[in-house]
């Protein structure tokens, strides 16, 4: 499948409306409380907004225990040079005042599926501007262009996760299926990979589960991520982790997903243990990975049989 590389910018304006009604529902007031600023990243060319007069998008407002889904139509306004939310042809997007929420937007433009999600937000008395970057999908999985010199694209989510803050699934190094118990007794690889410098596709969990365009990151990929991005230990939807912001302002979130050994997740919420694709040649019982916590972000090695998370990467084609 051909990888889609997106770097053009399209600004979209939308009014999110708060629906307030009396206890008898006799009066309904629609108040514009927020503007949603979408940035659509497509290819290496800036989309000419005047050539796309309108498009439809799916908008999800996600609360802790509830999700509201609406269909919206955006129409290009030449006067404002942006797309406006067409109230007459769109569902009302309800935002509950003082309740934390996030907004996910999905659109199909020229057969490209684009998705993006906001940080957790709260509507108060003051107007709020919500910024969302929509990115293309590669094999059904979204990547983020961080503007790295190599052009490497990092996945938005961990392998097995559906949202950036979800931990995802855990893998022993070189195994392509997850499991409940991680030990040398359950490690299926044995010494098969002792002589390899880097995992091949048949032993790369990202490739095996997401397709040929994806792979586990290498030590070089980690070094570039470390040197090219600013790092902020933060919380996303009550999950601790690092936000890494690239040279172009785009960012990814790496949750502190911990690791697995005897079946339980250890140090989840305080540390994250991620695999890289290289064996530790000084002692082949180990393989390279990287660790994150509130005070650290560095490359290190782990016993290959441990269960750890993977953040896949792909390359623009």
C-alpha atoms as a PDB file:
ATOM      1  CA  UNK A   1       0.000   0.000   0.000  1.00  0.00           C
ATOM      2  CA  UNK A   2       1.296   3.431  -0.869  1.00  0.00           C
ATOM      3  CA  UNK A   3       2.189   5.634   2.079  1.00  0.00           C
ATOM      4  CA  UNK A   4       0.504   9.027   2.117  1.00  0.00           C
ATOM      5  CA  UNK A   5       2.749  11.875   3.227  1.00  0.00           C
ATOM      6  CA  UNK A   6       0.874  14.993   4.227  1.00  0.00           C
ATOM      7  CA  UNK A   7       2.279  18.506   4.729  1.00  0.00           C
ATOM      8  CA  UNK A   8      -0.187  20.958   3.096  1.00  0.00           C
ATOM      9  CA  UNK A   9      -2.263  23.137   5.404  1.00  0.00           C
ATOM     10  CA  UNK A  10      -6.004  23.753   5.292  1.00  0.00           C
ATOM     11  CA  UNK A  11      -7.638  25.918   7.926  1.00  0.00           C
ATOM     12  CA  UNK A  12     -11.197  25.101   8.833  1.00  0.00           C
ATOM     13  CA  UNK A  13     -13.459  27.183  11.084  1.00  0.00           C
ATOM     14  CA  UNK A  14     -16.374  25.648  12.960  1.00  0.00           C
ATOM     15  CA  UNK A  15     -18.698  26.855  15.689  1.00  0.00           C
ATOM     16  CA  UNK A  16     -19.396  24.315  18.425  1.00  0.00           C
ATOM     17  CA  UNK A  17     -22.780  25.041  19.971  1.00  0.00           C
ATOM     18  CA  UNK A  18     -23.854  24.492  23.579  1.00  0.00           C
ATOM     19  CA  UNK A  19     -27.499  23.394  23.857  1.00  0.00           C
ATOM     20  CA  UNK A  20     -29.143  24.890  26.955  1.00  0.00           C
ATOM     21  CA  UNK A  21     -32.784  24.177  27.739  1.00  0.00           C
ATOM     22  CA  UNK A  22     -35.164  24.918  30.596  1.00  0.00           C
ATOM     23  CA  UNK A  23     -36.352  22.060  32.791  1.00  0.00           C
ATOM     24  CA  UNK A  24     -39.570  21.962  30.717  1.00  0.00           C
ATOM     25  CA  UNK A  25     -37.558  22.180  27.472  1.00  0.00           C
ATOM     26  CA  UNK A  26     -39.740  25.081  26.335  1.00  0.00           C
ATOM     27  CA  UNK A  27     -36.819  27.362  25.507  1.00  0.00           C
ATOM     28  CA  UNK A  28     -33.638  26.373  23.722  1.00  0.00           C
ATOM     29  CA  UNK A  29     -30.690  28.726  23.485  1.00  0.00           C
ATOM     30  CA  UNK A  30     -27.851  28.095  21.033  1.00  0.00           C
ATOM     31  CA  UNK A  31     -24.694  29.918  22.087  1.00  0.00           C
ATOM     32  CA  UNK A  32     -21.445  29.891  20.077  1.00  0.00           C
ATOM     33  CA  UNK A  33     -18.827  28.886  22.624  1.00  0.00           C
ATOM     34  CA  UNK A  34     -15.876  27.547  20.663  1.00  0.00           C
ATOM     35  CA  UNK A  35     -14.133  27.639  17.313  1.00  0.00           C
ATOM     36  CA  UNK A  36     -12.508  24.502  15.978  1.00  0.00           C
ATOM     37  CA  UNK A  37      -9.394  25.175  13.909  1.00  0.00           C
ATOM     38  CA  UNK A  38      -8.574  22.150  11.753  1.00  0.00           C
ATOM     39  CA  UNK A  39      -5.233  21.739  10.007  1.00  0.00           C
ATOM     40  CA  UNK A  40      -5.404  19.126   7.245  1.00  0.00           C
ATOM     41  CA  UNK A  41      -2.008  17.706   6.297  1.00  0.00           C
ATOM     42  CA  UNK A  42      -1.947  16.280   2.753  1.00  0.00           C
ATOM     43  CA  UNK A  43       1.052  15.443   0.597  1.00  0.00           C
ATOM     44  CA  UNK A  44       3.823  17.920  -0.040  1.00  0.00           C
ATOM     45  CA  UNK A  45       1.558  20.536  -1.597  1.00  0.00           C
ATOM     46  CA  UNK A  46      -0.667  23.140  -0.002  1.00  0.00           C
ATOM     47  CA  UNK A  47      -4.285  22.487  -0.914  1.00  0.00           C
ATOM     48  CA  UNK A  48      -5.963  25.353  -2.743  1.00  0.00           C
ATOM     49  CA  UNK A  49      -9.040  25.813  -0.563  1.00  0.00           C
ATOM     50  CA  UNK A  50     -11.009  27.546  -3.310  1.00  0.00           C
ATOM     51  CA  UNK A  51     -10.923  24.334  -5.376  1.00  0.00           C
ATOM     52  CA  UNK A  52     -12.781  22.419  -2.656  1.00  0.00           C
ATOM     53  CA  UNK A  53     -16.065  24.231  -2.098  1.00  0.00           C
ATOM     54  CA  UNK A  54     -17.347  21.949   0.667  1.00  0.00           C
ATOM     55  CA  UNK A  55     -16.842  18.624   2.423  1.00  0.00           C
ATOM     56  CA  UNK A  56     -18.533  16.492   5.051  1.00  0.00           C
ATOM     57  CA  UNK A  57     -16.932  15.329   8.298  1.00  0.00           C
ATOM     58  CA  UNK A  58     -17.806  13.152  11.254  1.00  0.00           C
ATOM     59  CA  UNK A  59     -17.409  14.964  14.582  1.00  0.00           C
ATOM     60  CA  UNK A  60     -17.252  13.071  17.889  1.00  0.00           C
ATOM     61  CA  UNK A  61     -17.371  14.864  21.230  1.00  0.00           C
ATOM     62  CA  UNK A  62     -15.950  12.380  23.739  1.00  0.00           C
ATOM     63  CA  UNK A  63     -16.621  12.616  27.482  1.00  0.00           C
ATOM     64  CA  UNK A  64     -15.344  10.215  30.115  1.00  0.00           C
ATOM     65  CA  UNK A  65     -18.454   8.027  29.973  1.00  0.00           C
ATOM     66  CA  UNK A  66     -20.211   9.210  26.832  1.00  0.00           C
ATOM     67  CA  UNK A  67     -19.542   9.972  23.169  1.00  0.00           C
ATOM     68  CA  UNK A  68     -21.712  12.202  20.978  1.00  0.00           C
ATOM     69  CA  UNK A  69     -21.404  11.677  17.216  1.00  0.00           C
ATOM     70  CA  UNK A  70     -22.582  14.220  14.642  1.00  0.00           C
ATOM     71  CA  UNK A  71     -22.291  14.753  10.885  1.00  0.00           C
ATOM     72  CA  UNK A  72     -21.204  18.225   9.809  1.00  0.00           C
ATOM     73  CA  UNK A  73     -20.832  20.012   6.489  1.00  0.00           C
ATOM     74  CA  UNK A  74     -18.098  22.617   5.994  1.00  0.00           C
ATOM     75  CA  UNK A  75     -18.439  25.271   3.293  1.00  0.00           C
ATOM     76  CA  UNK A  76     -15.605  27.435   1.980  1.00  0.00           C
ATOM     77  CA  UNK A  77     -15.906  31.171   2.678  1.00  0.00           C
ATOM     78  CA  UNK A  78     -13.784  33.234   0.314  1.00  0.00           C
ATOM     79  CA  UNK A  79     -14.185  36.326   2.501  1.00  0.00           C
ATOM     80  CA  UNK A  80     -12.643  34.577   5.511  1.00  0.00           C
ATOM     81  CA  UNK A  81     -10.458  32.164   3.494  1.00  0.00           C
ATOM     82  CA  UNK A  82     -11.631  29.282   5.669  1.00  0.00           C
ATOM     83  CA  UNK A  83     -14.326  26.654   5.894  1.00  0.00           C
ATOM     84  CA  UNK A  84     -17.358  27.443   8.007  1.00  0.00           C
ATOM     85  CA  UNK A  85     -19.673  25.073   9.827  1.00  0.00           C
ATOM     86  CA  UNK A  86     -22.950  25.022   7.833  1.00  0.00           C
ATOM     87  CA  UNK A  87     -25.648  25.057  10.521  1.00  0.00           C
ATOM     88  CA  UNK A  88     -28.487  24.511   8.049  1.00  0.00           C
ATOM     89  CA  UNK A  89     -27.089  21.158   6.789  1.00  0.00           C
ATOM     90  CA  UNK A  90     -25.291  19.903   9.885  1.00  0.00           C
ATOM     91  CA  UNK A  91     -26.197  18.281  13.166  1.00  0.00           C
ATOM     92  CA  UNK A  92     -25.902  20.458  16.245  1.00  0.00           C
ATOM     93  CA  UNK A  93     -22.647  19.711  18.072  1.00  0.00           C
ATOM     94  CA  UNK A  94     -23.432  19.809  21.783  1.00  0.00           C
ATOM     95  CA  UNK A  95     -20.757  20.785  24.280  1.00  0.00           C
ATOM     96  CA  UNK A  96     -21.588  20.433  27.962  1.00  0.00           C
ATOM     97  CA  UNK A  97     -20.350  23.337  29.995  1.00  0.00           C
ATOM     98  CA  UNK A  98     -17.769  22.558  32.703  1.00  0.00           C
ATOM     99  CA  UNK A  99     -17.492  18.859  31.672  1.00  0.00           C
ATOM    100  CA  UNK A 100     -14.061  17.780  30.359  1.00  0.00           C
ATOM    101  CA  UNK A 101     -14.208  16.498  26.783  1.00  0.00           C
ATOM    102  CA  UNK A 102     -12.162  15.954  23.639  1.00  0.00           C
ATOM    103  CA  UNK A 103     -13.158  16.382  20.004  1.00  0.00           C
ATOM    104  CA  UNK A 104     -12.343  13.901  17.224  1.00  0.00           C
ATOM    105  CA  UNK A 105     -12.868  14.844  13.584  1.00  0.00           C
ATOM    106  CA  UNK A 106     -12.832  12.427  10.636  1.00  0.00           C
ATOM    107  CA  UNK A 107     -13.136  13.501   7.001  1.00  0.00           C
ATOM    108  CA  UNK A 108     -12.714  11.852   3.603  1.00  0.00           C
ATOM    109  CA  UNK A 109     -11.151  14.164   1.019  1.00  0.00           C
ATOM    110  CA  UNK A 110     -10.256  12.823  -2.432  1.00  0.00           C
ATOM    111  CA  UNK A 111     -10.468   9.259  -1.059  1.00  0.00           C
ATOM    112  CA  UNK A 112      -7.993  10.101   1.719  1.00  0.00           C
ATOM    113  CA  UNK A 113      -9.209   9.283   5.242  1.00  0.00           C
ATOM    114  CA  UNK A 114      -8.083  11.996   7.656  1.00  0.00           C
ATOM    115  CA  UNK A 115      -8.463  11.925  11.425  1.00  0.00           C
ATOM    116  CA  UNK A 116      -7.441  14.094  14.351  1.00  0.00           C
ATOM    117  CA  UNK A 117      -8.258  14.569  18.027  1.00  0.00           C
ATOM    118  CA  UNK A 118      -7.978  17.476  20.436  1.00  0.00           C
ATOM    119  CA  UNK A 119      -6.494  17.490  23.903  1.00  0.00           C
ATOM    120  CA  UNK A 120      -8.894  17.268  26.860  1.00  0.00           C
ATOM    121  CA  UNK A 121     -10.755  20.570  27.160  1.00  0.00           C
ATOM    122  CA  UNK A 122     -13.418  22.264  29.264  1.00  0.00           C
ATOM    123  CA  UNK A 123     -15.963  24.859  28.129  1.00  0.00           C
ATOM    124  CA  UNK A 124     -16.437  27.695  30.611  1.00  0.00           C
ATOM    125  CA  UNK A 125     -17.877  31.161  30.222  1.00  0.00           C
ATOM    126  CA  UNK A 126     -15.236  32.372  27.786  1.00  0.00           C
ATOM    127  CA  UNK A 127     -14.965  31.450  24.098  1.00  0.00           C
ATOM    128  CA  UNK A 128     -12.523  28.635  23.396  1.00  0.00           C
ATOM    129  CA  UNK A 129     -10.454  27.873  20.318  1.00  0.00           C
ATOM    130  CA  UNK A 130      -9.830  24.164  19.741  1.00  0.00           C
ATOM    131  CA  UNK A 131      -6.933  23.149  17.496  1.00  0.00           C
ATOM    132  CA  UNK A 132      -6.851  19.761  15.788  1.00  0.00           C
ATOM    133  CA  UNK A 133      -4.409  18.405  13.215  1.00  0.00           C
ATOM    134  CA  UNK A 134      -5.912  15.882  10.796  1.00  0.00           C
ATOM    135  CA  UNK A 135      -3.480  13.288   9.456  1.00  0.00           C
ATOM    136  CA  UNK A 136      -3.781  10.603   6.827  1.00  0.00           C
ATOM    137  CA  UNK A 137      -3.926   6.909   7.562  1.00  0.00           C
ATOM    138  CA  UNK A 138      -1.450   4.301   6.412  1.00  0.00           C
ATOM    139  CA  UNK A 139      -2.882   0.790   6.291  1.00  0.00           C
ATOM    140  CA  UNK A 140      -5.703   1.940   8.560  1.00  0.00           C
ATOM    141  CA  UNK A 141      -3.328   3.471  11.121  1.00  0.00           C
ATOM    142  CA  UNK A 142      -2.616   7.164  11.528  1.00  0.00           C
ATOM    143  CA  UNK A 143       0.903   8.573  11.365  1.00  0.00           C
ATOM    144  CA  UNK A 144       2.217  11.964  12.463  1.00  0.00           C
ATOM    145  CA  UNK A 145       4.720  13.954  10.422  1.00  0.00           C
ATOM    146  CA  UNK A 146       7.050  15.579  12.968  1.00  0.00           C
ATOM    147  CA  UNK A 147       9.153  17.274  10.301  1.00  0.00           C
ATOM    148  CA  UNK A 148      12.120  15.000  11.039  1.00  0.00           C
ATOM    149  CA  UNK A 149      15.173  15.334   8.759  1.00  0.00           C
ATOM    150  CA  UNK A 150      14.932  11.693   7.642  1.00  0.00           C
ATOM    151  CA  UNK A 151      11.241  11.980   6.773  1.00  0.00           C
ATOM    152  CA  UNK A 152      10.393   9.168   9.196  1.00  0.00           C
ATOM    153  CA  UNK A 153       6.750   9.239  10.282  1.00  0.00           C
ATOM    154  CA  UNK A 154       5.772   8.081  13.782  1.00  0.00           C
ATOM    155  CA  UNK A 155       2.456   6.354  14.466  1.00  0.00           C
ATOM    156  CA  UNK A 156      -0.114   8.287  16.439  1.00  0.00           C
ATOM    157  CA  UNK A 157      -0.774   5.307  18.744  1.00  0.00           C
ATOM    158  CA  UNK A 158       1.061   2.362  20.227  1.00  0.00           C
ATOM    159  CA  UNK A 159       0.724  -1.013  18.525  1.00  0.00           C
ATOM    160  CA  UNK A 160      -2.645  -2.412  19.625  1.00  0.00           C
ATOM    161  CA  UNK A 161      -4.014   0.957  20.791  1.00  0.00           C
ATOM    162  CA  UNK A 162      -6.802   3.054  19.256  1.00  0.00           C
ATOM    163  CA  UNK A 163      -5.971   6.341  20.969  1.00  0.00           C
ATOM    164  CA  UNK A 164      -2.619   7.997  21.730  1.00  0.00           C
ATOM    165  CA  UNK A 165      -3.077   7.631  25.488  1.00  0.00           C
ATOM    166  CA  UNK A 166      -3.995   3.924  25.375  1.00  0.00           C
ATOM    167  CA  UNK A 167      -1.210   1.545  26.397  1.00  0.00           C
ATOM    168  CA  UNK A 168      -1.747  -0.919  23.560  1.00  0.00           C
ATOM    169  CA  UNK A 169      -0.452  -4.495  23.566  1.00  0.00           C
ATOM    170  CA  UNK A 170       2.834  -5.891  24.899  1.00  0.00           C
ATOM    171  CA  UNK A 171       5.364  -7.981  23.010  1.00  0.00           C
ATOM    172  CA  UNK A 172       8.561  -9.849  23.768  1.00  0.00           C
ATOM    173  CA  UNK A 173      11.366  -8.699  21.478  1.00  0.00           C
ATOM    174  CA  UNK A 174      11.201 -10.557  18.162  1.00  0.00           C
ATOM    175  CA  UNK A 175       7.763 -12.090  18.802  1.00  0.00           C
ATOM    176  CA  UNK A 176       4.861 -10.955  16.654  1.00  0.00           C
ATOM    177  CA  UNK A 177       1.955 -12.040  18.895  1.00  0.00           C
ATOM    178  CA  UNK A 178       1.091 -10.850  22.372  1.00  0.00           C
ATOM    179  CA  UNK A 179       0.485 -13.225  25.284  1.00  0.00           C
ATOM    180  CA  UNK A 180      -0.367 -13.275  28.994  1.00  0.00           C
ATOM    181  CA  UNK A 181       2.933 -14.443  30.519  1.00  0.00           C
ATOM    182  CA  UNK A 182       6.398 -13.155  29.629  1.00  0.00           C
ATOM    183  CA  UNK A 183       9.364 -15.244  30.760  1.00  0.00           C
ATOM    184  CA  UNK A 184      12.243 -17.220  29.273  1.00  0.00           C
ATOM    185  CA  UNK A 185      10.026 -20.319  29.437  1.00  0.00           C
ATOM    186  CA  UNK A 186       7.388 -18.655  27.241  1.00  0.00           C
ATOM    187  CA  UNK A 187       9.860 -16.892  24.939  1.00  0.00           C
ATOM    188  CA  UNK A 188       9.378 -18.571  21.558  1.00  0.00           C
ATOM    189  CA  UNK A 189      12.466 -17.131  19.849  1.00  0.00           C
ATOM    190  CA  UNK A 190      15.152 -18.822  21.941  1.00  0.00           C
ATOM    191  CA  UNK A 191      18.598 -18.029  20.495  1.00  0.00           C
ATOM    192  CA  UNK A 192      17.270 -17.798  16.940  1.00  0.00           C
ATOM    193  CA  UNK A 193      18.002 -14.064  16.656  1.00  0.00           C
ATOM    194  CA  UNK A 194      21.308 -13.913  18.537  1.00  0.00           C
ATOM    195  CA  UNK A 195      23.307 -13.213  15.401  1.00  0.00           C
ATOM    196  CA  UNK A 196      21.045 -10.570  13.840  1.00  0.00           C
ATOM    197  CA  UNK A 197      21.810  -6.890  14.182  1.00  0.00           C
ATOM    198  CA  UNK A 198      18.269  -5.765  13.491  1.00  0.00           C
ATOM    199  CA  UNK A 199      14.919  -7.559  13.303  1.00  0.00           C
ATOM    200  CA  UNK A 200      13.739  -8.656   9.871  1.00  0.00           C
ATOM    201  CA  UNK A 201      10.119  -8.269   8.757  1.00  0.00           C
ATOM    202  CA  UNK A 202       9.136 -11.770   9.873  1.00  0.00           C
ATOM    203  CA  UNK A 203      10.088 -10.955  13.468  1.00  0.00           C
ATOM    204  CA  UNK A 204       8.967  -7.314  13.501  1.00  0.00           C
ATOM    205  CA  UNK A 205       5.671  -7.019  15.414  1.00  0.00           C
ATOM    206  CA  UNK A 206       4.774  -3.704  13.746  1.00  0.00           C
ATOM    207  CA  UNK A 207       5.210  -5.136  10.238  1.00  0.00           C
ATOM    208  CA  UNK A 208       3.421  -8.378  11.070  1.00  0.00           C
ATOM    209  CA  UNK A 209       0.413  -6.662  12.626  1.00  0.00           C
ATOM    210  CA  UNK A 210       0.102  -3.408  10.647  1.00  0.00           C
ATOM    211  CA  UNK A 211       1.523  -4.250   7.226  1.00  0.00           C
ATOM    212  CA  UNK A 212       4.646  -3.822   5.137  1.00  0.00           C
ATOM    213  CA  UNK A 213       4.741  -0.019   5.385  1.00  0.00           C
ATOM    214  CA  UNK A 214       5.218  -0.177   9.152  1.00  0.00           C
ATOM    215  CA  UNK A 215       8.182  -1.305  11.247  1.00  0.00           C
ATOM    216  CA  UNK A 216       9.583  -1.065  14.760  1.00  0.00           C
ATOM    217  CA  UNK A 217      11.786   2.004  15.242  1.00  0.00           C
ATOM    218  CA  UNK A 218      15.554   1.592  15.074  1.00  0.00           C
ATOM    219  CA  UNK A 219      18.167   3.097  17.368  1.00  0.00           C
ATOM    220  CA  UNK A 220      18.749   5.731  14.688  1.00  0.00           C
ATOM    221  CA  UNK A 221      15.033   6.568  14.693  1.00  0.00           C
ATOM    222  CA  UNK A 222      15.125   7.033  18.453  1.00  0.00           C
ATOM    223  CA  UNK A 223      18.245   9.212  18.281  1.00  0.00           C
ATOM    224  CA  UNK A 224      16.553  11.440  15.706  1.00  0.00           C
ATOM    225  CA  UNK A 225      13.358  11.667  17.768  1.00  0.00           C
ATOM    226  CA  UNK A 226      15.390  12.574  20.835  1.00  0.00           C
ATOM    227  CA  UNK A 227      17.505  15.243  19.133  1.00  0.00           C
ATOM    228  CA  UNK A 228      14.800  16.788  16.940  1.00  0.00           C
ATOM    229  CA  UNK A 229      11.825  17.046  19.314  1.00  0.00           C
ATOM    230  CA  UNK A 230      11.091  18.977  22.469  1.00  0.00           C
ATOM    231  CA  UNK A 231       9.852  16.743  25.292  1.00  0.00           C
ATOM    232  CA  UNK A 232       7.202  17.546  27.905  1.00  0.00           C
ATOM    233  CA  UNK A 233       6.069  15.156  30.641  1.00  0.00           C
ATOM    234  CA  UNK A 234       2.325  15.710  30.782  1.00  0.00           C
ATOM    235  CA  UNK A 235      -1.080  14.065  31.221  1.00  0.00           C
ATOM    236  CA  UNK A 236      -3.508  13.228  28.439  1.00  0.00           C
ATOM    237  CA  UNK A 237      -6.985  12.100  29.466  1.00  0.00           C
ATOM    238  CA  UNK A 238      -5.621  11.215  32.928  1.00  0.00           C
ATOM    239  CA  UNK A 239      -2.718   9.179  31.483  1.00  0.00           C
ATOM    240  CA  UNK A 240       0.875  10.194  32.191  1.00  0.00           C
ATOM    241  CA  UNK A 241       3.375  10.299  29.379  1.00  0.00           C
ATOM    242  CA  UNK A 242       5.584  12.421  27.136  1.00  0.00           C
ATOM    243  CA  UNK A 243       4.444  14.828  24.483  1.00  0.00           C
ATOM    244  CA  UNK A 244       7.125  15.139  21.816  1.00  0.00           C
ATOM    245  CA  UNK A 245       6.811  18.159  19.538  1.00  0.00           C
ATOM    246  CA  UNK A 246       8.624  18.081  16.210  1.00  0.00           C
ATOM    247  CA  UNK A 247      10.326  20.733  14.132  1.00  0.00           C
ATOM    248  CA  UNK A 248       7.065  21.569  12.342  1.00  0.00           C
ATOM    249  CA  UNK A 249       4.965  21.925  15.503  1.00  0.00           C
ATOM    250  CA  UNK A 250       3.201  18.557  15.201  1.00  0.00           C
ATOM    251  CA  UNK A 251       3.398  16.242  18.203  1.00  0.00           C
ATOM    252  CA  UNK A 252       2.919  12.670  19.400  1.00  0.00           C
ATOM    253  CA  UNK A 253       2.068  11.375  22.868  1.00  0.00           C
ATOM    254  CA  UNK A 254       3.873   8.369  24.372  1.00  0.00           C
ATOM    255  CA  UNK A 255       1.976   6.947  27.377  1.00  0.00           C
ATOM    256  CA  UNK A 256       3.811   5.606  30.407  1.00  0.00           C
ATOM    257  CA  UNK A 257       2.497   2.123  29.704  1.00  0.00           C
ATOM    258  CA  UNK A 258       4.859   0.191  31.972  1.00  0.00           C
ATOM    259  CA  UNK A 259       5.771  -3.375  31.028  1.00  0.00           C
ATOM    260  CA  UNK A 260       4.711  -6.969  31.608  1.00  0.00           C
ATOM    261  CA  UNK A 261       6.458  -9.996  33.050  1.00  0.00           C
ATOM    262  CA  UNK A 262       4.322 -12.352  35.092  1.00  0.00           C
ATOM    263  CA  UNK A 263       1.089 -11.224  33.474  1.00  0.00           C
ATOM    264  CA  UNK A 264       0.597  -8.013  35.390  1.00  0.00           C
ATOM    265  CA  UNK A 265       1.468  -4.534  34.168  1.00  0.00           C
ATOM    266  CA  UNK A 266       4.271  -3.115  36.295  1.00  0.00           C
ATOM    267  CA  UNK A 267       5.036   0.600  36.698  1.00  0.00           C
ATOM    268  CA  UNK A 268       2.128   1.584  34.454  1.00  0.00           C
ATOM    269  CA  UNK A 269       1.481   5.314  34.815  1.00  0.00           C
ATOM    270  CA  UNK A 270       4.974   6.054  36.095  1.00  0.00           C
ATOM    271  CA  UNK A 271       7.265   4.555  33.425  1.00  0.00           C
ATOM    272  CA  UNK A 272       7.104   3.494  29.818  1.00  0.00           C
ATOM    273  CA  UNK A 273       9.250   0.732  28.294  1.00  0.00           C
ATOM    274  CA  UNK A 274       9.395   0.703  24.495  1.00  0.00           C
ATOM    275  CA  UNK A 275      11.188  -1.715  22.159  1.00  0.00           C
ATOM    276  CA  UNK A 276      13.597  -0.770  19.387  1.00  0.00           C
ATOM    277  CA  UNK A 277      14.517  -3.149  16.565  1.00  0.00           C
ATOM    278  CA  UNK A 278      18.203  -3.800  17.451  1.00  0.00           C
ATOM    279  CA  UNK A 279      19.693  -6.565  19.551  1.00  0.00           C
ATOM    280  CA  UNK A 280      22.197  -5.651  22.269  1.00  0.00           C
ATOM    281  CA  UNK A 281      25.322  -7.179  20.717  1.00  0.00           C
ATOM    282  CA  UNK A 282      27.411  -7.181  23.915  1.00  0.00           C
ATOM    283  CA  UNK A 283      24.950  -9.631  25.477  1.00  0.00           C
ATOM    284  CA  UNK A 284      22.298 -11.113  23.165  1.00  0.00           C
ATOM    285  CA  UNK A 285      19.973 -11.884  26.067  1.00  0.00           C
ATOM    286  CA  UNK A 286      19.145  -8.175  25.777  1.00  0.00           C
ATOM    287  CA  UNK A 287      17.721  -5.924  23.085  1.00  0.00           C
ATOM    288  CA  UNK A 288      17.626  -2.144  22.761  1.00  0.00           C
ATOM    289  CA  UNK A 289      14.666  -0.069  23.816  1.00  0.00           C
ATOM    290  CA  UNK A 290      13.985   3.233  25.492  1.00  0.00           C
ATOM    291  CA  UNK A 291      12.575   4.281  28.841  1.00  0.00           C
ATOM    292  CA  UNK A 292      10.386   7.249  29.747  1.00  0.00           C
ATOM    293  CA  UNK A 293       9.394   8.614  33.135  1.00  0.00           C
ATOM    294  CA  UNK A 294       8.900  12.040  34.679  1.00  0.00           C
ATOM    295  CA  UNK A 295      12.657  12.609  34.899  1.00  0.00           C
ATOM    296  CA  UNK A 296      14.064  10.472  32.082  1.00  0.00           C
ATOM    297  CA  UNK A 297      13.896   9.811  28.372  1.00  0.00           C
ATOM    298  CA  UNK A 298      16.765   7.637  27.255  1.00  0.00           C
ATOM    299  CA  UNK A 299      17.866   4.568  25.310  1.00  0.00           C
ATOM    300  CA  UNK A 300      18.608   1.430  27.308  1.00  0.00           C
ATOM    301  CA  UNK A 301      18.548  -2.373  27.042  1.00  0.00           C
ATOM    302  CA  UNK A 302      16.141  -4.961  28.418  1.00  0.00           C
ATOM    303  CA  UNK A 303      15.899  -8.747  28.618  1.00  0.00           C
ATOM    304  CA  UNK A 304      14.334  -9.807  25.326  1.00  0.00           C
ATOM    305  CA  UNK A 305      11.644 -11.931  26.974  1.00  0.00           C
ATOM    306  CA  UNK A 306       9.975  -8.968  28.749  1.00  0.00           C
ATOM    307  CA  UNK A 307       6.630  -7.687  27.463  1.00  0.00           C
ATOM    308  CA  UNK A 308       6.949  -4.077  26.306  1.00  0.00           C
ATOM    309  CA  UNK A 309       5.082  -1.636  24.110  1.00  0.00           C
ATOM    310  CA  UNK A 310       5.945  -0.606  20.548  1.00  0.00           C
ATOM    311  CA  UNK A 311       5.398   2.703  18.758  1.00  0.00           C
ATOM    312  CA  UNK A 312       5.620   1.864  15.025  1.00  0.00           C
ATOM    313  CA  UNK A 313       7.166   4.089  12.356  1.00  0.00           C
ATOM    314  CA  UNK A 314       6.894   4.270   8.577  1.00  0.00           C
ATOM    315  CA  UNK A 315       8.570   6.229   5.802  1.00  0.00           C
ATOM    316  CA  UNK A 316       7.115   8.511   3.184  1.00  0.00           C
ATOM    317  CA  UNK A 317       6.993   7.014  -0.287  1.00  0.00           C
END
